[in-house]
Amino acid sequence: MFSFAYYYDVLKQCRDCQRDFIFYAKEQKYWFETLKLPLEADAVRCVGCRRRKRKQSQAHQRYSVLAGKASLGDQELEELAGLFLGLWNSGQRMSPQKLAAIYGRCRRQIPESDVAREAETLHREINCEKED
């Protein structure tokens, strides 16, 4: 394992938001010496965008777990619908058919919940776009 004798702060531009950020020497040391990332690893996103991407990844993993369950309680169904809507709103295009299925379940199981109303609104918007 090769380690650097020293690290230095590097000015970068975020791939997602295009803002400038500093890839700090302390952070580089952590990446390469503690996490054991390969030397060619490089920061391409600012801390905020990395955090947002990590949260989206965790939400998608949780969504996948809930979507794979045969039956869901009310809270789990609300969480599933909320995760779907959050992922959709963050720009990840999820299947409109899955939205229709989630909306149908919400309408039957938790019709008065806020998330059921949000799912209904999105479902109607998507169906209007299809008709145009």
N, C-alpha and C. Protein backbone atom coordinates (compact mmCIF):
# COMPACT_ATOMS: atom_id res chain seq x y z
N MET A 1 0.85 -1.19 0.00
CA MET A 1 0.00 0.00 0.00
C MET A 1 0.88 1.23 0.00
N PHE A 2 0.64 2.10 -0.91
CA PHE A 2 1.39 3.35 -1.03
C PHE A 2 0.62 4.45 -0.34
N SER A 3 1.30 5.26 0.45
CA SER A 3 0.62 6.41 1.05
C SER A 3 1.38 7.67 0.67
N PHE A 4 0.66 8.75 0.59
CA PHE A 4 1.27 10.02 0.24
C PHE A 4 2.05 10.57 1.43
N ALA A 5 3.08 11.32 1.14
CA ALA A 5 3.83 11.98 2.19
C ALA A 5 3.04 13.18 2.71
N TYR A 6 2.27 13.79 1.83
CA TYR A 6 1.47 14.93 2.22
C TYR A 6 0.26 15.05 1.28
N TYR A 7 -0.75 15.71 1.76
CA TYR A 7 -1.95 16.00 0.98
C TYR A 7 -2.11 17.51 0.93
N TYR A 8 -2.83 17.99 -0.05
CA TYR A 8 -3.07 19.42 -0.14
C TYR A 8 -4.49 19.67 -0.64
N ASP A 9 -5.06 20.80 -0.23
CA ASP A 9 -6.42 21.17 -0.63
C ASP A 9 -6.46 21.39 -2.14
N VAL A 10 -7.51 20.89 -2.78
CA VAL A 10 -7.67 21.02 -4.23
C VAL A 10 -9.03 21.64 -4.52
N LEU A 11 -9.04 22.67 -5.35
CA LEU A 11 -10.29 23.29 -5.77
C LEU A 11 -10.89 22.47 -6.91
N LYS A 12 -12.15 22.07 -6.77
CA LYS A 12 -12.85 21.24 -7.75
C LYS A 12 -14.17 21.90 -8.11
N GLN A 13 -14.82 21.36 -9.15
CA GLN A 13 -16.17 21.80 -9.50
C GLN A 13 -17.09 20.59 -9.40
N CYS A 14 -18.21 20.75 -8.72
CA CYS A 14 -19.16 19.66 -8.50
C CYS A 14 -19.81 19.25 -9.81
N ARG A 15 -19.85 17.95 -10.04
CA ARG A 15 -20.46 17.39 -11.25
C ARG A 15 -21.96 17.67 -11.32
N ASP A 16 -22.61 17.72 -10.16
CA ASP A 16 -24.06 17.88 -10.14
C ASP A 16 -24.51 19.34 -10.13
N CYS A 17 -24.01 20.12 -9.19
CA CYS A 17 -24.50 21.49 -9.02
C CYS A 17 -23.59 22.54 -9.66
N GLN A 18 -22.46 22.13 -10.15
CA GLN A 18 -21.50 23.00 -10.84
C GLN A 18 -20.84 24.04 -9.93
N ARG A 19 -21.06 23.96 -8.63
CA ARG A 19 -20.42 24.91 -7.72
C ARG A 19 -19.00 24.46 -7.42
N ASP A 20 -18.14 25.42 -7.12
CA ASP A 20 -16.79 25.10 -6.71
C ASP A 20 -16.81 24.58 -5.27
N PHE A 21 -15.92 23.63 -4.99
CA PHE A 21 -15.75 23.14 -3.63
C PHE A 21 -14.30 22.75 -3.44
N ILE A 22 -13.91 22.62 -2.20
CA ILE A 22 -12.53 22.24 -1.90
C ILE A 22 -12.50 20.80 -1.43
N PHE A 23 -11.69 19.99 -2.08
CA PHE A 23 -11.43 18.62 -1.63
C PHE A 23 -10.24 18.74 -0.67
N TYR A 24 -10.58 18.83 0.62
CA TYR A 24 -9.59 19.14 1.64
C TYR A 24 -8.56 18.02 1.83
N ALA A 25 -7.37 18.41 2.21
CA ALA A 25 -6.27 17.47 2.45
C ALA A 25 -6.67 16.44 3.52
N LYS A 26 -7.34 16.91 4.57
CA LYS A 26 -7.77 16.01 5.65
C LYS A 26 -8.75 14.95 5.12
N GLU A 27 -9.63 15.39 4.23
CA GLU A 27 -10.60 14.47 3.63
C GLU A 27 -9.89 13.46 2.72
N GLN A 28 -8.92 13.92 1.95
CA GLN A 28 -8.15 13.02 1.09
C GLN A 28 -7.44 11.95 1.93
N LYS A 29 -6.84 12.39 3.01
CA LYS A 29 -6.14 11.45 3.89
C LYS A 29 -7.12 10.39 4.40
N TYR A 30 -8.30 10.81 4.81
CA TYR A 30 -9.32 9.87 5.29
C TYR A 30 -9.70 8.88 4.18
N TRP A 31 -9.94 9.39 2.98
CA TRP A 31 -10.32 8.53 1.85
C TRP A 31 -9.27 7.45 1.60
N PHE A 32 -8.02 7.87 1.50
CA PHE A 32 -6.98 6.96 1.05
C PHE A 32 -6.37 6.11 2.16
N GLU A 33 -6.28 6.64 3.37
CA GLU A 33 -5.62 5.89 4.44
C GLU A 33 -6.60 5.15 5.34
N THR A 34 -7.78 5.72 5.57
CA THR A 34 -8.75 5.06 6.45
C THR A 34 -9.70 4.17 5.64
N LEU A 35 -10.31 4.76 4.61
CA LEU A 35 -11.26 3.99 3.80
C LEU A 35 -10.57 3.07 2.80
N LYS A 36 -9.29 3.30 2.56
CA LYS A 36 -8.48 2.49 1.64
C LYS A 36 -9.01 2.54 0.21
N LEU A 37 -9.51 3.72 -0.19
CA LEU A 37 -9.96 3.89 -1.57
C LEU A 37 -8.74 3.88 -2.49
N PRO A 38 -8.92 3.46 -3.74
CA PRO A 38 -7.78 3.46 -4.66
C PRO A 38 -7.27 4.88 -4.90
N LEU A 39 -6.00 5.00 -5.21
CA LEU A 39 -5.40 6.32 -5.40
C LEU A 39 -6.04 7.10 -6.53
N GLU A 40 -6.62 6.42 -7.49
CA GLU A 40 -7.26 7.14 -8.60
C GLU A 40 -8.66 7.64 -8.25
N ALA A 41 -9.15 7.32 -7.04
CA ALA A 41 -10.45 7.84 -6.60
C ALA A 41 -10.35 9.36 -6.46
N ASP A 42 -11.40 10.04 -6.83
CA ASP A 42 -11.39 11.49 -6.80
C ASP A 42 -12.77 12.01 -6.44
N ALA A 43 -12.81 13.10 -5.72
CA ALA A 43 -14.09 13.72 -5.37
C ALA A 43 -14.62 14.45 -6.61
N VAL A 44 -15.82 14.10 -7.05
CA VAL A 44 -16.42 14.77 -8.20
C VAL A 44 -17.67 15.54 -7.80
N ARG A 45 -18.12 15.36 -6.55
CA ARG A 45 -19.29 16.07 -6.05
C ARG A 45 -18.94 16.78 -4.76
N CYS A 46 -19.60 17.90 -4.53
CA CYS A 46 -19.42 18.63 -3.27
C CYS A 46 -20.04 17.81 -2.13
N VAL A 47 -19.75 18.19 -0.93
CA VAL A 47 -20.25 17.46 0.24
C VAL A 47 -21.78 17.40 0.24
N GLY A 48 -22.43 18.52 -0.07
CA GLY A 48 -23.90 18.54 -0.08
C GLY A 48 -24.49 17.60 -1.11
N CYS A 49 -23.93 17.58 -2.30
CA CYS A 49 -24.43 16.69 -3.35
C CYS A 49 -24.12 15.23 -3.04
N ARG A 50 -22.96 14.97 -2.42
CA ARG A 50 -22.65 13.59 -2.00
C ARG A 50 -23.64 13.11 -0.96
N ARG A 51 -23.97 14.00 -0.03
CA ARG A 51 -24.93 13.67 1.03
C ARG A 51 -26.31 13.39 0.42
N ARG A 52 -26.73 14.25 -0.52
CA ARG A 52 -28.03 14.07 -1.18
C ARG A 52 -28.07 12.76 -1.95
N LYS A 53 -26.99 12.45 -2.67
CA LYS A 53 -26.93 11.21 -3.45
C LYS A 53 -26.97 9.99 -2.52
N ARG A 54 -26.28 10.07 -1.39
CA ARG A 54 -26.28 8.97 -0.43
C ARG A 54 -27.69 8.75 0.13
N LYS A 55 -28.39 9.85 0.46
CA LYS A 55 -29.75 9.74 0.98
C LYS A 55 -30.69 9.14 -0.07
N GLN A 56 -30.53 9.53 -1.33
CA GLN A 56 -31.35 8.97 -2.40
C GLN A 56 -31.10 7.47 -2.53
N SER A 57 -29.84 7.08 -2.42
CA SER A 57 -29.50 5.66 -2.52
C SER A 57 -30.13 4.87 -1.38
N GLN A 58 -30.07 5.41 -0.17
CA GLN A 58 -30.68 4.75 0.99
C GLN A 58 -32.20 4.67 0.83
N ALA A 59 -32.80 5.74 0.31
CA ALA A 59 -34.26 5.75 0.08
C ALA A 59 -34.64 4.70 -0.96
N HIS A 60 -33.83 4.59 -2.01
CA HIS A 60 -34.12 3.60 -3.06
C HIS A 60 -34.00 2.18 -2.52
N GLN A 61 -32.99 1.93 -1.67
CA GLN A 61 -32.84 0.61 -1.06
C GLN A 61 -34.04 0.27 -0.18
N ARG A 62 -34.47 1.23 0.63
CA ARG A 62 -35.62 1.00 1.51
C ARG A 62 -36.89 0.80 0.69
N TYR A 63 -37.04 1.60 -0.37
CA TYR A 63 -38.18 1.45 -1.28
C TYR A 63 -38.21 0.02 -1.85
N SER A 64 -37.06 -0.48 -2.27
CA SER A 64 -36.98 -1.82 -2.86
C SER A 64 -37.39 -2.89 -1.86
N VAL A 65 -36.98 -2.72 -0.60
CA VAL A 65 -37.36 -3.69 0.43
C VAL A 65 -38.88 -3.68 0.62
N LEU A 66 -39.45 -2.50 0.77
CA LEU A 66 -40.90 -2.40 0.99
C LEU A 66 -41.69 -2.86 -0.23
N ALA A 67 -41.23 -2.50 -1.42
CA ALA A 67 -41.94 -2.89 -2.64
C ALA A 67 -41.94 -4.40 -2.84
N GLY A 68 -40.95 -5.07 -2.28
CA GLY A 68 -40.86 -6.52 -2.41
C GLY A 68 -41.72 -7.29 -1.44
N LYS A 69 -42.31 -6.61 -0.48
CA LYS A 69 -43.15 -7.29 0.51
C LYS A 69 -44.53 -7.57 -0.06
N ALA A 70 -45.06 -8.74 0.27
CA ALA A 70 -46.38 -9.13 -0.21
C ALA A 70 -47.49 -8.31 0.44
N SER A 71 -47.35 -8.05 1.73
CA SER A 71 -48.37 -7.25 2.41
C SER A 71 -47.68 -6.20 3.27
N LEU A 72 -48.34 -5.06 3.37
CA LEU A 72 -47.79 -3.94 4.12
C LEU A 72 -48.83 -3.41 5.09
N GLY A 73 -48.37 -3.04 6.28
CA GLY A 73 -49.23 -2.35 7.22
C GLY A 73 -49.42 -0.91 6.75
N ASP A 74 -50.29 -0.19 7.44
CA ASP A 74 -50.57 1.19 7.05
C ASP A 74 -49.32 2.06 7.05
N GLN A 75 -48.51 1.95 8.11
CA GLN A 75 -47.30 2.78 8.20
C GLN A 75 -46.30 2.43 7.10
N GLU A 76 -46.15 1.14 6.84
CA GLU A 76 -45.23 0.73 5.78
C GLU A 76 -45.70 1.20 4.41
N LEU A 77 -47.00 1.13 4.19
CA LEU A 77 -47.55 1.60 2.91
C LEU A 77 -47.35 3.10 2.76
N GLU A 78 -47.57 3.85 3.85
CA GLU A 78 -47.31 5.30 3.81
C GLU A 78 -45.84 5.57 3.52
N GLU A 79 -44.96 4.80 4.14
CA GLU A 79 -43.53 4.98 3.91
C GLU A 79 -43.17 4.65 2.46
N LEU A 80 -43.72 3.56 1.94
CA LEU A 80 -43.47 3.16 0.55
C LEU A 80 -43.90 4.27 -0.41
N ALA A 81 -45.12 4.76 -0.23
CA ALA A 81 -45.63 5.82 -1.10
C ALA A 81 -44.78 7.09 -0.96
N GLY A 82 -44.41 7.43 0.27
CA GLY A 82 -43.58 8.61 0.50
C GLY A 82 -42.22 8.48 -0.15
N LEU A 83 -41.63 7.29 -0.06
CA LEU A 83 -40.34 7.07 -0.70
C LEU A 83 -40.45 7.18 -2.21
N PHE A 84 -41.51 6.59 -2.78
CA PHE A 84 -41.72 6.67 -4.22
C PHE A 84 -41.83 8.13 -4.65
N LEU A 85 -42.66 8.89 -3.95
CA LEU A 85 -42.86 10.30 -4.31
C LEU A 85 -41.57 11.10 -4.15
N GLY A 86 -40.83 10.83 -3.08
CA GLY A 86 -39.57 11.53 -2.86
C GLY A 86 -38.56 11.24 -3.96
N LEU A 87 -38.46 9.98 -4.34
CA LEU A 87 -37.54 9.60 -5.43
C LEU A 87 -37.98 10.23 -6.74
N TRP A 88 -39.27 10.19 -7.00
CA TRP A 88 -39.81 10.79 -8.24
C TRP A 88 -39.49 12.29 -8.28
N ASN A 89 -39.76 12.97 -7.18
CA ASN A 89 -39.55 14.42 -7.10
C ASN A 89 -38.08 14.81 -7.15
N SER A 90 -37.20 13.87 -6.81
CA SER A 90 -35.77 14.17 -6.86
C SER A 90 -35.19 13.93 -8.25
N GLY A 91 -36.06 13.54 -9.18
CA GLY A 91 -35.60 13.39 -10.56
C GLY A 91 -35.40 11.95 -11.00
N GLN A 92 -35.54 11.01 -10.10
CA GLN A 92 -35.41 9.61 -10.49
C GLN A 92 -36.74 9.17 -11.08
N ARG A 93 -36.73 8.83 -12.32
CA ARG A 93 -37.98 8.44 -12.96
C ARG A 93 -38.31 6.99 -12.66
N MET A 94 -39.32 6.85 -11.86
CA MET A 94 -39.81 5.54 -11.46
C MET A 94 -40.93 5.16 -12.43
N SER A 95 -41.28 3.92 -12.42
CA SER A 95 -42.30 3.40 -13.32
C SER A 95 -43.68 3.96 -12.99
N PRO A 96 -44.36 4.56 -13.99
CA PRO A 96 -45.73 5.03 -13.74
C PRO A 96 -46.68 3.88 -13.36
N GLN A 97 -46.38 2.68 -13.85
CA GLN A 97 -47.20 1.52 -13.48
C GLN A 97 -47.07 1.21 -11.99
N LYS A 98 -45.85 1.40 -11.45
CA LYS A 98 -45.66 1.16 -10.02
C LYS A 98 -46.40 2.23 -9.22
N LEU A 99 -46.38 3.47 -9.72
CA LEU A 99 -47.15 4.52 -9.05
C LEU A 99 -48.62 4.17 -9.04
N ALA A 100 -49.14 3.69 -10.16
CA ALA A 100 -50.56 3.32 -10.23
C ALA A 100 -50.88 2.23 -9.21
N ALA A 101 -49.99 1.25 -9.08
CA ALA A 101 -50.21 0.17 -8.12
C ALA A 101 -50.17 0.71 -6.68
N ILE A 102 -49.19 1.57 -6.39
CA ILE A 102 -49.08 2.14 -5.04
C ILE A 102 -50.30 3.01 -4.75
N TYR A 103 -50.69 3.82 -5.72
CA TYR A 103 -51.85 4.68 -5.53
C TYR A 103 -53.10 3.84 -5.26
N GLY A 104 -53.28 2.76 -6.01
CA GLY A 104 -54.43 1.88 -5.81
C GLY A 104 -54.46 1.29 -4.41
N ARG A 105 -53.29 0.85 -3.94
CA ARG A 105 -53.21 0.30 -2.58
C ARG A 105 -53.52 1.38 -1.55
N CYS A 106 -52.99 2.57 -1.75
CA CYS A 106 -53.24 3.67 -0.81
C CYS A 106 -54.72 4.02 -0.78
N ARG A 107 -55.33 4.06 -1.95
CA ARG A 107 -56.75 4.43 -2.05
C ARG A 107 -57.61 3.43 -1.27
N ARG A 108 -57.23 2.15 -1.33
CA ARG A 108 -58.00 1.13 -0.63
C ARG A 108 -57.67 1.07 0.87
N GLN A 109 -56.39 1.20 1.21
CA GLN A 109 -55.94 0.92 2.57
C GLN A 109 -55.84 2.17 3.45
N ILE A 110 -55.37 3.29 2.89
CA ILE A 110 -55.17 4.50 3.70
C ILE A 110 -55.65 5.74 2.93
N PRO A 111 -56.93 5.76 2.55
CA PRO A 111 -57.43 6.81 1.66
C PRO A 111 -57.34 8.23 2.22
N GLU A 112 -57.33 8.39 3.53
CA GLU A 112 -57.33 9.72 4.12
C GLU A 112 -55.93 10.28 4.39
N SER A 113 -54.90 9.52 4.08
CA SER A 113 -53.54 9.99 4.39
C SER A 113 -53.08 11.04 3.38
N ASP A 114 -52.19 11.91 3.84
CA ASP A 114 -51.64 12.95 2.96
C ASP A 114 -50.89 12.34 1.79
N VAL A 115 -50.16 11.27 2.06
CA VAL A 115 -49.36 10.66 1.00
C VAL A 115 -50.26 10.03 -0.06
N ALA A 116 -51.43 9.54 0.33
CA ALA A 116 -52.38 8.99 -0.64
C ALA A 116 -52.88 10.10 -1.56
N ARG A 117 -53.13 11.26 -1.00
CA ARG A 117 -53.57 12.41 -1.82
C ARG A 117 -52.46 12.87 -2.76
N GLU A 118 -51.21 12.88 -2.27
CA GLU A 118 -50.08 13.25 -3.13
C GLU A 118 -49.91 12.26 -4.27
N ALA A 119 -50.06 10.98 -3.94
CA ALA A 119 -49.94 9.94 -4.98
C ALA A 119 -51.05 10.09 -6.01
N GLU A 120 -52.25 10.43 -5.54
CA GLU A 120 -53.36 10.64 -6.46
C GLU A 120 -53.07 11.82 -7.40
N THR A 121 -52.57 12.91 -6.86
CA THR A 121 -52.25 14.09 -7.67
C THR A 121 -51.22 13.75 -8.74
N LEU A 122 -50.15 13.07 -8.34
CA LEU A 122 -49.11 12.70 -9.31
C LEU A 122 -49.66 11.72 -10.34
N HIS A 123 -50.45 10.77 -9.89
CA HIS A 123 -51.06 9.80 -10.80
C HIS A 123 -51.91 10.50 -11.86
N ARG A 124 -52.70 11.49 -11.44
CA ARG A 124 -53.53 12.25 -12.38
C ARG A 124 -52.68 13.06 -13.35
N GLU A 125 -51.61 13.69 -12.83
CA GLU A 125 -50.71 14.46 -13.70
C GLU A 125 -50.10 13.58 -14.79
N ILE A 126 -49.65 12.41 -14.40
CA ILE A 126 -49.02 11.49 -15.36
C ILE A 126 -50.03 11.04 -16.40
N ASN A 127 -51.24 10.72 -15.95
CA ASN A 127 -52.27 10.28 -16.90
C ASN A 127 -52.69 11.40 -17.85
N CYS A 128 -52.68 12.66 -17.38
CA CYS A 128 -53.00 13.78 -18.25
C CYS A 128 -51.91 13.96 -19.31
N GLU A 129 -50.64 13.77 -18.91
CA GLU A 129 -49.53 13.86 -19.86
C GLU A 129 -49.63 12.81 -20.94
N LYS A 130 -50.06 11.61 -20.55
CA LYS A 130 -50.21 10.52 -21.52
C LYS A 130 -51.27 10.83 -22.56
N GLU A 131 -52.36 11.46 -22.12
CA GLU A 131 -53.48 11.76 -23.01
C GLU A 131 -53.12 12.85 -24.02
N ASP A 132 -52.20 13.75 -23.65
CA ASP A 132 -51.83 14.87 -24.54
C ASP A 132 -51.02 14.43 -25.72
